[in-house]
Amino acid sequence: MKIPCTKTVSDENETKNLAEEFANLIKEGQVIVLNGNLGSGKTFFIKKLLNSFSIYNVSSPSFTIVNEYSGSIKAYHFDFFRLKTIEELYDIGWQDYLNDYNAVTFIEWGNQLENALPKNRIEILITAKNDTKRQFDFNKYE
């Protein structure tokens, strides 16, 4: 897979395969932002991707704001959906998470607080085409 690119999947199994393919590109210190409407599959994609790194206890951080995972990589999983201001993010140590170059940071709903996102990141926009079909638009920002 080369980024930028667009991939379309027809079902959850193809989404899992795409997540595994994308996992091969991930390096420590990267920030990956996932945007898309409610129910588009952001958390599902992250779950399947992290399974590639022997992390199986993945859950949505909607109420905790951030979940931390360890497997063959260390990962932080943020959900910006409920955040109203960037100050809320800084209150939980946002800069410390970003400065952990040994971890990969995943952010759902990054478009909620775009001004908090680092310049260097990969963004994935997930668009639901129907009940099972999804379009994934991958872009890199530097």
N, C-alpha and C. Protein backbone atom coordinates (compact mmCIF):
# COMPACT_ATOMS: atom_id res chain seq x y z
N MET A 1 0.84 -1.17 0.00
CA MET A 1 0.00 0.00 0.00
C MET A 1 0.89 1.25 0.00
N LYS A 2 0.58 2.16 -0.88
CA LYS A 2 1.25 3.46 -0.92
C LYS A 2 0.24 4.53 -0.57
N ILE A 3 0.66 5.45 0.26
CA ILE A 3 -0.22 6.54 0.68
C ILE A 3 0.22 7.81 -0.04
N PRO A 4 -0.69 8.58 -0.63
CA PRO A 4 -2.14 8.52 -0.52
C PRO A 4 -2.75 7.43 -1.40
N CYS A 5 -3.90 6.93 -0.94
CA CYS A 5 -4.64 5.96 -1.73
C CYS A 5 -6.07 5.86 -1.22
N THR A 6 -6.91 5.26 -2.03
CA THR A 6 -8.29 4.99 -1.67
C THR A 6 -8.54 3.51 -1.85
N LYS A 7 -9.14 2.89 -0.85
CA LYS A 7 -9.47 1.46 -0.90
C LYS A 7 -10.94 1.30 -0.52
N THR A 8 -11.62 0.40 -1.21
CA THR A 8 -13.01 0.10 -0.89
C THR A 8 -13.11 -1.35 -0.47
N VAL A 9 -13.82 -1.58 0.63
CA VAL A 9 -14.03 -2.94 1.14
C VAL A 9 -15.52 -3.24 1.15
N SER A 10 -15.85 -4.51 1.00
CA SER A 10 -17.25 -4.91 0.91
C SER A 10 -17.84 -5.48 2.19
N ASP A 11 -16.96 -5.90 3.11
CA ASP A 11 -17.46 -6.51 4.34
C ASP A 11 -16.41 -6.44 5.44
N GLU A 12 -16.74 -6.96 6.62
CA GLU A 12 -15.83 -6.90 7.76
C GLU A 12 -14.55 -7.68 7.51
N ASN A 13 -14.63 -8.79 6.79
CA ASN A 13 -13.42 -9.58 6.52
C ASN A 13 -12.44 -8.79 5.65
N GLU A 14 -12.95 -8.08 4.65
CA GLU A 14 -12.08 -7.25 3.81
C GLU A 14 -11.53 -6.07 4.61
N THR A 15 -12.32 -5.55 5.55
CA THR A 15 -11.82 -4.48 6.43
C THR A 15 -10.68 -5.00 7.28
N LYS A 16 -10.83 -6.21 7.82
CA LYS A 16 -9.76 -6.84 8.61
C LYS A 16 -8.51 -6.99 7.76
N ASN A 17 -8.65 -7.44 6.53
CA ASN A 17 -7.49 -7.61 5.65
C ASN A 17 -6.81 -6.27 5.36
N LEU A 18 -7.61 -5.22 5.16
CA LEU A 18 -7.05 -3.89 4.92
C LEU A 18 -6.31 -3.39 6.16
N ALA A 19 -6.88 -3.62 7.33
CA ALA A 19 -6.23 -3.22 8.58
C ALA A 19 -4.89 -3.93 8.73
N GLU A 20 -4.84 -5.21 8.41
CA GLU A 20 -3.59 -5.97 8.49
C GLU A 20 -2.57 -5.45 7.49
N GLU A 21 -3.02 -5.09 6.30
CA GLU A 21 -2.12 -4.53 5.28
C GLU A 21 -1.55 -3.19 5.76
N PHE A 22 -2.41 -2.34 6.31
CA PHE A 22 -1.97 -1.04 6.80
C PHE A 22 -1.03 -1.19 8.00
N ALA A 23 -1.26 -2.21 8.82
CA ALA A 23 -0.40 -2.44 10.00
C ALA A 23 1.06 -2.61 9.60
N ASN A 24 1.31 -3.14 8.42
CA ASN A 24 2.69 -3.34 7.95
C ASN A 24 3.42 -2.02 7.72
N LEU A 25 2.69 -0.92 7.60
CA LEU A 25 3.30 0.39 7.36
C LEU A 25 3.60 1.15 8.66
N ILE A 26 3.05 0.70 9.75
CA ILE A 26 3.11 1.45 11.00
C ILE A 26 4.49 1.37 11.64
N LYS A 27 4.92 2.55 12.13
CA LYS A 27 6.21 2.66 12.82
C LYS A 27 5.97 3.35 14.16
N GLU A 28 6.81 3.05 15.13
CA GLU A 28 6.72 3.71 16.43
C GLU A 28 6.78 5.23 16.24
N GLY A 29 6.04 5.94 17.05
CA GLY A 29 6.03 7.39 17.00
C GLY A 29 5.01 7.98 16.05
N GLN A 30 4.35 7.15 15.26
CA GLN A 30 3.37 7.67 14.30
C GLN A 30 2.06 8.03 14.97
N VAL A 31 1.39 9.01 14.36
CA VAL A 31 0.05 9.41 14.77
C VAL A 31 -0.88 9.10 13.60
N ILE A 32 -1.94 8.37 13.89
CA ILE A 32 -2.90 7.97 12.86
C ILE A 32 -4.28 8.47 13.29
N VAL A 33 -4.87 9.29 12.45
CA VAL A 33 -6.15 9.93 12.74
C VAL A 33 -7.22 9.27 11.88
N LEU A 34 -8.33 8.86 12.51
CA LEU A 34 -9.44 8.27 11.79
C LEU A 34 -10.67 9.15 11.94
N ASN A 35 -11.23 9.55 10.81
CA ASN A 35 -12.45 10.34 10.78
C ASN A 35 -13.51 9.59 10.00
N GLY A 36 -14.74 9.90 10.28
CA GLY A 36 -15.88 9.28 9.61
C GLY A 36 -17.10 9.42 10.49
N ASN A 37 -18.24 9.26 9.90
CA ASN A 37 -19.48 9.38 10.65
C ASN A 37 -19.61 8.29 11.70
N LEU A 38 -20.51 8.50 12.64
CA LEU A 38 -20.82 7.52 13.66
C LEU A 38 -21.20 6.20 12.98
N GLY A 39 -20.56 5.11 13.41
CA GLY A 39 -20.87 3.80 12.85
C GLY A 39 -20.14 3.48 11.56
N SER A 40 -19.19 4.32 11.16
CA SER A 40 -18.48 4.07 9.90
C SER A 40 -17.43 2.96 10.03
N GLY A 41 -16.99 2.66 11.25
CA GLY A 41 -16.04 1.56 11.44
C GLY A 41 -14.67 1.96 11.95
N LYS A 42 -14.55 3.12 12.54
CA LYS A 42 -13.26 3.59 13.04
C LYS A 42 -12.69 2.64 14.10
N THR A 43 -13.49 2.36 15.11
CA THR A 43 -13.02 1.49 16.19
C THR A 43 -12.79 0.07 15.69
N PHE A 44 -13.65 -0.44 14.84
CA PHE A 44 -13.47 -1.78 14.28
C PHE A 44 -12.14 -1.88 13.54
N PHE A 45 -11.83 -0.87 12.72
CA PHE A 45 -10.57 -0.87 11.97
C PHE A 45 -9.37 -0.88 12.93
N ILE A 46 -9.42 -0.04 13.98
CA ILE A 46 -8.32 0.00 14.95
C ILE A 46 -8.20 -1.34 15.67
N LYS A 47 -9.32 -1.94 16.05
CA LYS A 47 -9.28 -3.25 16.72
C LYS A 47 -8.56 -4.28 15.86
N LYS A 48 -8.95 -4.37 14.59
CA LYS A 48 -8.35 -5.37 13.70
C LYS A 48 -6.88 -5.05 13.43
N LEU A 49 -6.55 -3.78 13.32
CA LEU A 49 -5.16 -3.37 13.12
C LEU A 49 -4.32 -3.77 14.33
N LEU A 50 -4.80 -3.47 15.54
CA LEU A 50 -4.03 -3.78 16.74
C LEU A 50 -3.94 -5.28 17.01
N ASN A 51 -4.90 -6.06 16.52
CA ASN A 51 -4.79 -7.52 16.60
C ASN A 51 -3.50 -7.99 15.93
N SER A 52 -3.05 -7.29 14.88
CA SER A 52 -1.81 -7.63 14.18
C SER A 52 -0.59 -7.49 15.09
N PHE A 53 -0.74 -6.74 16.19
CA PHE A 53 0.36 -6.51 17.13
C PHE A 53 0.09 -7.21 18.46
N SER A 54 -0.71 -8.28 18.43
CA SER A 54 -1.04 -9.08 19.61
C SER A 54 -1.73 -8.26 20.70
N ILE A 55 -2.56 -7.33 20.29
CA ILE A 55 -3.38 -6.55 21.22
C ILE A 55 -4.83 -6.90 20.93
N TYR A 56 -5.49 -7.51 21.92
CA TYR A 56 -6.84 -8.02 21.69
C TYR A 56 -7.90 -7.40 22.60
N ASN A 57 -7.50 -6.57 23.54
CA ASN A 57 -8.43 -5.98 24.50
C ASN A 57 -8.85 -4.57 24.09
N VAL A 58 -9.01 -4.32 22.80
CA VAL A 58 -9.31 -3.00 22.28
C VAL A 58 -10.78 -2.67 22.47
N SER A 59 -11.04 -1.48 23.03
CA SER A 59 -12.41 -1.00 23.19
C SER A 59 -12.44 0.49 22.87
N SER A 60 -13.62 0.98 22.62
CA SER A 60 -13.77 2.40 22.29
C SER A 60 -13.45 3.26 23.51
N PRO A 61 -12.63 4.28 23.34
CA PRO A 61 -12.31 5.18 24.45
C PRO A 61 -13.27 6.37 24.54
N SER A 62 -14.50 6.20 24.08
CA SER A 62 -15.46 7.31 24.05
C SER A 62 -15.63 8.00 25.40
N PHE A 63 -15.65 7.24 26.49
CA PHE A 63 -15.89 7.83 27.80
C PHE A 63 -14.61 8.06 28.58
N THR A 64 -13.56 7.33 28.26
CA THR A 64 -12.29 7.50 28.97
C THR A 64 -11.36 8.48 28.25
N ILE A 65 -11.68 8.84 27.05
CA ILE A 65 -10.90 9.71 26.16
C ILE A 65 -9.67 9.00 25.60
N VAL A 66 -8.95 8.23 26.44
CA VAL A 66 -7.77 7.52 25.93
C VAL A 66 -7.67 6.14 26.59
N ASN A 67 -7.32 5.15 25.78
CA ASN A 67 -6.98 3.81 26.26
C ASN A 67 -5.54 3.55 25.88
N GLU A 68 -4.83 2.84 26.75
CA GLU A 68 -3.44 2.47 26.48
C GLU A 68 -3.36 0.96 26.33
N TYR A 69 -2.57 0.51 25.33
CA TYR A 69 -2.44 -0.91 25.05
C TYR A 69 -0.96 -1.27 24.88
N SER A 70 -0.65 -2.52 25.23
CA SER A 70 0.69 -3.04 25.00
C SER A 70 0.58 -4.43 24.39
N GLY A 71 1.39 -4.66 23.39
CA GLY A 71 1.52 -5.95 22.73
C GLY A 71 2.91 -5.95 22.14
N SER A 72 3.04 -6.25 20.87
CA SER A 72 4.35 -6.13 20.23
C SER A 72 4.66 -4.67 19.92
N ILE A 73 3.66 -3.79 20.11
CA ILE A 73 3.87 -2.34 20.09
C ILE A 73 3.12 -1.76 21.29
N LYS A 74 3.45 -0.53 21.62
CA LYS A 74 2.70 0.24 22.61
C LYS A 74 1.79 1.18 21.82
N ALA A 75 0.53 1.28 22.24
CA ALA A 75 -0.41 2.11 21.49
C ALA A 75 -1.29 2.93 22.43
N TYR A 76 -1.58 4.14 21.98
CA TYR A 76 -2.56 5.01 22.64
C TYR A 76 -3.72 5.16 21.67
N HIS A 77 -4.94 5.07 22.21
CA HIS A 77 -6.15 5.13 21.39
C HIS A 77 -7.05 6.21 21.97
N PHE A 78 -7.13 7.33 21.27
CA PHE A 78 -7.92 8.49 21.71
C PHE A 78 -9.24 8.56 20.97
N ASP A 79 -10.22 9.17 21.63
CA ASP A 79 -11.49 9.49 21.00
C ASP A 79 -11.81 10.95 21.35
N PHE A 80 -11.79 11.82 20.35
CA PHE A 80 -12.01 13.25 20.56
C PHE A 80 -13.50 13.64 20.50
N PHE A 81 -14.38 12.68 20.29
CA PHE A 81 -15.79 13.00 20.03
C PHE A 81 -16.42 13.87 21.11
N ARG A 82 -16.20 13.56 22.36
CA ARG A 82 -16.84 14.27 23.46
C ARG A 82 -16.10 15.53 23.89
N LEU A 83 -14.89 15.75 23.39
CA LEU A 83 -14.11 16.91 23.80
C LEU A 83 -14.65 18.18 23.16
N LYS A 84 -14.72 19.22 23.95
CA LYS A 84 -15.23 20.50 23.44
C LYS A 84 -14.11 21.52 23.22
N THR A 85 -13.04 21.42 24.01
CA THR A 85 -11.94 22.38 23.89
C THR A 85 -10.60 21.66 23.93
N ILE A 86 -9.60 22.31 23.39
CA ILE A 86 -8.26 21.74 23.39
C ILE A 86 -7.71 21.67 24.82
N GLU A 87 -8.20 22.53 25.70
CA GLU A 87 -7.74 22.52 27.09
C GLU A 87 -8.08 21.19 27.77
N GLU A 88 -9.22 20.60 27.42
CA GLU A 88 -9.59 19.30 27.98
C GLU A 88 -8.55 18.25 27.61
N LEU A 89 -8.03 18.36 26.42
CA LEU A 89 -7.01 17.42 25.94
C LEU A 89 -5.69 17.63 26.68
N TYR A 90 -5.31 18.88 26.84
CA TYR A 90 -4.08 19.17 27.57
C TYR A 90 -4.17 18.77 29.03
N ASP A 91 -5.37 18.83 29.61
CA ASP A 91 -5.57 18.43 31.01
C ASP A 91 -5.26 16.96 31.25
N ILE A 92 -5.38 16.12 30.23
CA ILE A 92 -5.08 14.69 30.40
C ILE A 92 -3.67 14.33 29.95
N GLY A 93 -2.84 15.34 29.67
CA GLY A 93 -1.44 15.09 29.33
C GLY A 93 -1.18 14.84 27.86
N TRP A 94 -1.93 15.46 26.99
CA TRP A 94 -1.82 15.27 25.54
C TRP A 94 -0.38 15.35 25.04
N GLN A 95 0.36 16.36 25.46
CA GLN A 95 1.74 16.53 24.99
C GLN A 95 2.62 15.35 25.39
N ASP A 96 2.39 14.80 26.58
CA ASP A 96 3.18 13.64 27.02
C ASP A 96 2.94 12.44 26.12
N TYR A 97 1.68 12.24 25.74
CA TYR A 97 1.37 11.13 24.83
C TYR A 97 2.05 11.35 23.48
N LEU A 98 1.95 12.56 22.95
CA LEU A 98 2.55 12.84 21.64
C LEU A 98 4.07 12.72 21.65
N ASN A 99 4.66 12.99 22.80
CA ASN A 99 6.12 12.93 22.90
C ASN A 99 6.64 11.53 23.21
N ASP A 100 5.77 10.54 23.31
CA ASP A 100 6.19 9.16 23.51
C ASP A 100 6.45 8.54 22.14
N TYR A 101 7.69 8.63 21.70
CA TYR A 101 8.06 8.17 20.37
C TYR A 101 8.20 6.66 20.28
N ASN A 102 7.96 5.98 21.39
CA ASN A 102 7.97 4.51 21.39
C ASN A 102 6.57 3.93 21.18
N ALA A 103 5.59 4.81 21.05
CA ALA A 103 4.20 4.35 20.92
C ALA A 103 3.61 4.84 19.60
N VAL A 104 2.55 4.18 19.19
CA VAL A 104 1.74 4.62 18.05
C VAL A 104 0.47 5.20 18.64
N THR A 105 0.06 6.36 18.13
CA THR A 105 -1.12 7.04 18.65
C THR A 105 -2.22 7.01 17.60
N PHE A 106 -3.38 6.49 18.00
CA PHE A 106 -4.56 6.46 17.13
C PHE A 106 -5.58 7.45 17.70
N ILE A 107 -6.17 8.24 16.82
CA ILE A 107 -7.14 9.25 17.24
C ILE A 107 -8.40 9.10 16.41
N GLU A 108 -9.51 8.80 17.09
CA GLU A 108 -10.81 8.81 16.42
C GLU A 108 -11.41 10.20 16.56
N TRP A 109 -12.10 10.64 15.53
CA TRP A 109 -12.75 11.96 15.52
C TRP A 109 -11.73 13.09 15.64
N GLY A 110 -10.57 12.93 15.02
CA GLY A 110 -9.54 13.97 15.07
C GLY A 110 -10.00 15.29 14.51
N ASN A 111 -10.98 15.25 13.61
CA ASN A 111 -11.49 16.49 13.01
C ASN A 111 -12.23 17.35 14.04
N GLN A 112 -12.54 16.81 15.21
CA GLN A 112 -13.21 17.58 16.27
C GLN A 112 -12.27 18.65 16.85
N LEU A 113 -10.97 18.37 16.88
CA LEU A 113 -9.97 19.29 17.42
C LEU A 113 -8.75 19.30 16.50
N GLU A 114 -8.95 19.70 15.27
CA GLU A 114 -7.86 19.67 14.29
C GLU A 114 -6.64 20.45 14.72
N ASN A 115 -6.83 21.55 15.46
CA ASN A 115 -5.69 22.37 15.87
C ASN A 115 -4.81 21.66 16.90
N ALA A 116 -5.27 20.55 17.46
CA ALA A 116 -4.46 19.78 18.41
C ALA A 116 -3.62 18.71 17.72
N LEU A 117 -3.91 18.44 16.46
CA LEU A 117 -3.23 17.36 15.74
C LEU A 117 -1.80 17.76 15.37
N PRO A 118 -0.87 16.82 15.46
CA PRO A 118 0.50 17.12 15.04
C PRO A 118 0.57 17.27 13.52
N LYS A 119 1.56 18.00 13.08
CA LYS A 119 1.75 18.24 11.65
C LYS A 119 1.99 16.92 10.90
N ASN A 120 2.82 16.06 11.47
CA ASN A 120 3.14 14.77 10.85
C ASN A 120 2.14 13.72 11.32
N ARG A 121 1.34 13.25 10.38
CA ARG A 121 0.32 12.26 10.73
C ARG A 121 -0.21 11.59 9.47
N ILE A 122 -0.87 10.47 9.67
CA ILE A 122 -1.61 9.81 8.61
C ILE A 122 -3.08 9.97 8.97
N GLU A 123 -3.89 10.38 8.01
CA GLU A 123 -5.32 10.50 8.24
C GLU A 123 -6.06 9.49 7.37
N ILE A 124 -7.05 8.87 7.96
CA ILE A 124 -7.89 7.91 7.26
C ILE A 124 -9.33 8.39 7.38
N LEU A 125 -9.96 8.66 6.26
CA LEU A 125 -11.38 9.01 6.24
C LEU A 125 -12.14 7.77 5.83
N ILE A 126 -13.07 7.34 6.69
CA ILE A 126 -13.88 6.17 6.40
C ILE A 126 -15.29 6.62 6.06
N THR A 127 -15.75 6.22 4.89
CA THR A 127 -17.09 6.59 4.43
C THR A 127 -17.91 5.32 4.23
N ALA A 128 -19.05 5.25 4.94
CA ALA A 128 -19.95 4.11 4.78
C ALA A 128 -20.72 4.27 3.49
N LYS A 129 -20.64 3.28 2.61
CA LYS A 129 -21.36 3.30 1.35
C LYS A 129 -22.72 2.59 1.46
N ASN A 130 -22.79 1.59 2.34
CA ASN A 130 -24.05 0.91 2.68
C ASN A 130 -23.81 0.18 4.00
N ASP A 131 -24.61 -0.80 4.34
CA ASP A 131 -24.47 -1.47 5.64
C ASP A 131 -23.10 -2.11 5.86
N THR A 132 -22.47 -2.60 4.81
CA THR A 132 -21.19 -3.29 4.96
C THR A 132 -20.05 -2.69 4.14
N LYS A 133 -20.34 -2.00 3.07
CA LYS A 133 -19.31 -1.46 2.18
C LYS A 133 -18.76 -0.14 2.73
N ARG A 134 -17.41 -0.03 2.75
CA ARG A 134 -16.74 1.15 3.25
C ARG A 134 -15.66 1.61 2.27
N GLN A 135 -15.49 2.93 2.20
CA GLN A 135 -14.38 3.51 1.43
C GLN A 135 -13.40 4.11 2.42
N PHE A 136 -12.12 3.78 2.26
CA PHE A 136 -11.04 4.27 3.11
C PHE A 136 -10.15 5.16 2.27
N ASP A 137 -10.05 6.44 2.66
CA ASP A 137 -9.14 7.37 2.00
C ASP A 137 -7.97 7.63 2.93
N PHE A 138 -6.77 7.21 2.51
CA PHE A 138 -5.55 7.36 3.30
C PHE A 138 -4.76 8.55 2.76
N ASN A 139 -4.37 9.46 3.68
CA ASN A 139 -3.54 10.61 3.31
C ASN A 139 -2.46 10.81 4.35
N LYS A 140 -1.33 11.32 3.89
CA LYS A 140 -0.20 11.57 4.79
C LYS A 140 0.07 13.07 4.84
N TYR A 141 0.30 13.58 6.03
CA TYR A 141 0.62 14.99 6.23
C TYR A 141 1.99 15.09 6.88
N GLU A 142 2.81 16.00 6.36
CA GLU A 142 4.17 16.18 6.92
C GLU A 142 4.47 17.65 7.09
